[in-house]
Amino acid sequence: MTLIERIRAADRRKGERQGRQVGLEEGLEKGLEKGQHVAALRIARQMLADGLDRETVQRFTGLTAEELQDVSH
């Protein structure tokens, strides 16, 4: 293997490592967002079941009116 080939191979491995790291970070971020959204839906469901009005539930959970409609069905 020539020097140029070794440099290219090392650069490729470095790029692959960086790509995996970025993918992992993006996956973790999306997973956290999904978990937070699921938690907000669960909390909203309980708040509505306890008789709180939709406006209050929206304010405290950050959910949209459309998302609250899905919760109640």
N, C-alpha and C. Protein backbone atom coordinates (compact mmCIF):
# COMPACT_ATOMS: atom_id res chain seq x y z
N MET A 1 0.86 -1.17 0.00
CA MET A 1 0.00 0.00 0.00
C MET A 1 0.91 1.24 0.00
N THR A 2 0.61 2.15 -0.88
CA THR A 2 1.43 3.36 -0.97
C THR A 2 1.05 4.33 0.14
N LEU A 3 1.86 5.34 0.30
CA LEU A 3 1.61 6.35 1.32
C LEU A 3 0.27 7.04 1.07
N ILE A 4 0.00 7.38 -0.17
CA ILE A 4 -1.27 8.04 -0.53
C ILE A 4 -2.45 7.13 -0.17
N GLU A 5 -2.35 5.85 -0.47
CA GLU A 5 -3.42 4.91 -0.16
C GLU A 5 -3.64 4.78 1.34
N ARG A 6 -2.55 4.78 2.09
CA ARG A 6 -2.68 4.70 3.56
C ARG A 6 -3.34 5.96 4.12
N ILE A 7 -2.98 7.11 3.58
CA ILE A 7 -3.59 8.38 4.02
C ILE A 7 -5.07 8.38 3.71
N ARG A 8 -5.41 7.94 2.50
CA ARG A 8 -6.83 7.89 2.10
C ARG A 8 -7.61 6.92 2.99
N ALA A 9 -7.01 5.78 3.27
CA ALA A 9 -7.68 4.78 4.12
C ALA A 9 -7.89 5.33 5.53
N ALA A 10 -6.87 6.02 6.05
CA ALA A 10 -6.99 6.61 7.39
C ALA A 10 -8.07 7.69 7.40
N ASP A 11 -8.10 8.51 6.35
CA ASP A 11 -9.13 9.55 6.25
C ASP A 11 -10.53 8.94 6.16
N ARG A 12 -10.65 7.84 5.41
CA ARG A 12 -11.95 7.17 5.28
C ARG A 12 -12.41 6.63 6.63
N ARG A 13 -11.49 5.99 7.36
CA ARG A 13 -11.84 5.46 8.69
C ARG A 13 -12.26 6.59 9.63
N LYS A 14 -11.52 7.70 9.56
CA LYS A 14 -11.85 8.86 10.40
C LYS A 14 -13.24 9.38 10.05
N GLY A 15 -13.54 9.48 8.76
CA GLY A 15 -14.85 9.94 8.32
C GLY A 15 -15.96 9.00 8.76
N GLU A 16 -15.70 7.69 8.69
CA GLU A 16 -16.69 6.72 9.14
C GLU A 16 -16.96 6.85 10.63
N ARG A 17 -15.90 7.02 11.41
CA ARG A 17 -16.07 7.20 12.87
C ARG A 17 -16.88 8.45 13.17
N GLN A 18 -16.55 9.54 12.47
CA GLN A 18 -17.28 10.79 12.69
C GLN A 18 -18.74 10.64 12.28
N GLY A 19 -18.98 9.95 11.17
CA GLY A 19 -20.35 9.72 10.72
C GLY A 19 -21.15 8.90 11.72
N ARG A 20 -20.53 7.86 12.27
CA ARG A 20 -21.22 7.05 13.29
C ARG A 20 -21.53 7.89 14.52
N GLN A 21 -20.59 8.73 14.92
CA GLN A 21 -20.79 9.57 16.11
C GLN A 21 -21.94 10.54 15.89
N VAL A 22 -21.97 11.18 14.72
CA VAL A 22 -23.05 12.12 14.42
C VAL A 22 -24.38 11.38 14.40
N GLY A 23 -24.41 10.20 13.78
CA GLY A 23 -25.64 9.41 13.73
C GLY A 23 -26.12 9.01 15.12
N LEU A 24 -25.19 8.63 15.96
CA LEU A 24 -25.54 8.26 17.34
C LEU A 24 -26.12 9.44 18.09
N GLU A 25 -25.48 10.60 17.96
CA GLU A 25 -25.97 11.80 18.65
C GLU A 25 -27.36 12.19 18.15
N GLU A 26 -27.57 12.12 16.83
CA GLU A 26 -28.88 12.45 16.28
C GLU A 26 -29.94 11.46 16.77
N GLY A 27 -29.58 10.19 16.81
CA GLY A 27 -30.52 9.17 17.29
C GLY A 27 -30.89 9.37 18.74
N LEU A 28 -29.91 9.69 19.56
CA LEU A 28 -30.19 9.95 20.98
C LEU A 28 -31.09 11.16 21.14
N GLU A 29 -30.81 12.21 20.38
CA GLU A 29 -31.63 13.42 20.46
C GLU A 29 -33.07 13.14 20.07
N LYS A 30 -33.25 12.42 18.97
CA LYS A 30 -34.61 12.08 18.53
C LYS A 30 -35.31 11.20 19.56
N GLY A 31 -34.58 10.27 20.15
CA GLY A 31 -35.15 9.40 21.17
C GLY A 31 -35.60 10.17 22.39
N LEU A 32 -34.78 11.13 22.81
CA LEU A 32 -35.16 11.96 23.97
C LEU A 32 -36.39 12.80 23.66
N GLU A 33 -36.43 13.38 22.45
CA GLU A 33 -37.59 14.18 22.06
C GLU A 33 -38.85 13.32 22.05
N LYS A 34 -38.75 12.13 21.50
CA LYS A 34 -39.90 11.22 21.44
C LYS A 34 -40.35 10.85 22.86
N GLY A 35 -39.40 10.57 23.73
CA GLY A 35 -39.74 10.23 25.11
C GLY A 35 -40.42 11.37 25.84
N GLN A 36 -39.94 12.58 25.61
CA GLN A 36 -40.55 13.75 26.24
C GLN A 36 -41.97 13.96 25.72
N HIS A 37 -42.16 13.72 24.42
CA HIS A 37 -43.49 13.89 23.83
C HIS A 37 -44.45 12.84 24.39
N VAL A 38 -43.99 11.63 24.49
CA VAL A 38 -44.83 10.55 25.05
C VAL A 38 -45.19 10.88 26.49
N ALA A 39 -44.24 11.40 27.26
CA ALA A 39 -44.51 11.77 28.65
C ALA A 39 -45.54 12.89 28.72
N ALA A 40 -45.42 13.88 27.83
CA ALA A 40 -46.38 14.99 27.81
C ALA A 40 -47.78 14.48 27.49
N LEU A 41 -47.88 13.54 26.56
CA LEU A 41 -49.19 12.96 26.22
C LEU A 41 -49.78 12.21 27.41
N ARG A 42 -48.94 11.46 28.09
CA ARG A 42 -49.41 10.70 29.27
C ARG A 42 -49.89 11.65 30.36
N ILE A 43 -49.14 12.70 30.60
CA ILE A 43 -49.52 13.69 31.62
C ILE A 43 -50.81 14.39 31.22
N ALA A 44 -50.92 14.75 29.95
CA ALA A 44 -52.13 15.42 29.46
C ALA A 44 -53.35 14.53 29.64
N ARG A 45 -53.18 13.26 29.32
CA ARG A 45 -54.29 12.30 29.47
C ARG A 45 -54.78 12.27 30.92
N GLN A 46 -53.84 12.25 31.85
CA GLN A 46 -54.20 12.22 33.27
C GLN A 46 -54.83 13.54 33.71
N MET A 47 -54.28 14.66 33.24
CA MET A 47 -54.83 15.97 33.60
C MET A 47 -56.26 16.10 33.11
N LEU A 48 -56.51 15.66 31.87
CA LEU A 48 -57.87 15.72 31.33
C LEU A 48 -58.80 14.79 32.11
N ALA A 49 -58.30 13.61 32.47
CA ALA A 49 -59.11 12.66 33.24
C ALA A 49 -59.45 13.22 34.62
N ASP A 50 -58.56 14.06 35.15
CA ASP A 50 -58.79 14.68 36.46
C ASP A 50 -59.67 15.93 36.36
N GLY A 51 -60.10 16.26 35.14
CA GLY A 51 -61.05 17.35 34.97
C GLY A 51 -60.47 18.71 34.65
N LEU A 52 -59.18 18.81 34.40
CA LEU A 52 -58.61 20.10 34.05
C LEU A 52 -59.05 20.49 32.64
N ASP A 53 -59.19 21.79 32.41
CA ASP A 53 -59.63 22.25 31.10
C ASP A 53 -58.47 22.15 30.09
N ARG A 54 -58.83 22.07 28.81
CA ARG A 54 -57.85 21.87 27.75
C ARG A 54 -56.82 22.99 27.67
N GLU A 55 -57.25 24.22 27.90
CA GLU A 55 -56.32 25.36 27.83
C GLU A 55 -55.21 25.22 28.88
N THR A 56 -55.58 24.83 30.08
CA THR A 56 -54.60 24.64 31.14
C THR A 56 -53.66 23.49 30.80
N VAL A 57 -54.22 22.41 30.29
CA VAL A 57 -53.40 21.25 29.91
C VAL A 57 -52.41 21.65 28.82
N GLN A 58 -52.87 22.40 27.83
CA GLN A 58 -51.98 22.87 26.76
C GLN A 58 -50.85 23.72 27.32
N ARG A 59 -51.21 24.62 28.22
CA ARG A 59 -50.21 25.54 28.77
C ARG A 59 -49.12 24.78 29.52
N PHE A 60 -49.50 23.79 30.29
CA PHE A 60 -48.51 23.09 31.12
C PHE A 60 -47.76 21.97 30.39
N THR A 61 -48.37 21.39 29.36
CA THR A 61 -47.70 20.30 28.65
C THR A 61 -46.99 20.76 27.38
N GLY A 62 -47.40 21.91 26.85
CA GLY A 62 -46.82 22.39 25.60
C GLY A 62 -47.39 21.69 24.37
N LEU A 63 -48.42 20.89 24.56
CA LEU A 63 -49.04 20.20 23.44
C LEU A 63 -49.96 21.14 22.68
N THR A 64 -50.17 20.84 21.41
CA THR A 64 -51.07 21.64 20.58
C THR A 64 -52.50 21.16 20.79
N ALA A 65 -53.45 21.96 20.30
CA ALA A 65 -54.86 21.58 20.39
C ALA A 65 -55.10 20.28 19.63
N GLU A 66 -54.43 20.12 18.49
CA GLU A 66 -54.58 18.91 17.70
C GLU A 66 -54.06 17.68 18.46
N GLU A 67 -52.94 17.85 19.13
CA GLU A 67 -52.39 16.74 19.90
C GLU A 67 -53.33 16.36 21.05
N LEU A 68 -53.96 17.36 21.64
CA LEU A 68 -54.91 17.07 22.73
C LEU A 68 -56.14 16.35 22.21
N GLN A 69 -56.56 16.65 20.98
CA GLN A 69 -57.69 15.93 20.40
C GLN A 69 -57.35 14.44 20.28
N ASP A 70 -56.12 14.16 19.87
CA ASP A 70 -55.69 12.76 19.75
C ASP A 70 -55.67 12.07 21.11
N VAL A 71 -55.33 12.81 22.16
CA VAL A 71 -55.26 12.25 23.51
C VAL A 71 -56.63 11.82 23.98
N SER A 72 -57.64 12.61 23.67
CA SER A 72 -58.97 12.34 24.20
C SER A 72 -59.70 11.24 23.44
N HIS A 73 -59.16 10.80 22.31
CA HIS A 73 -59.84 9.76 21.53
C HIS A 73 -59.28 8.41 21.78
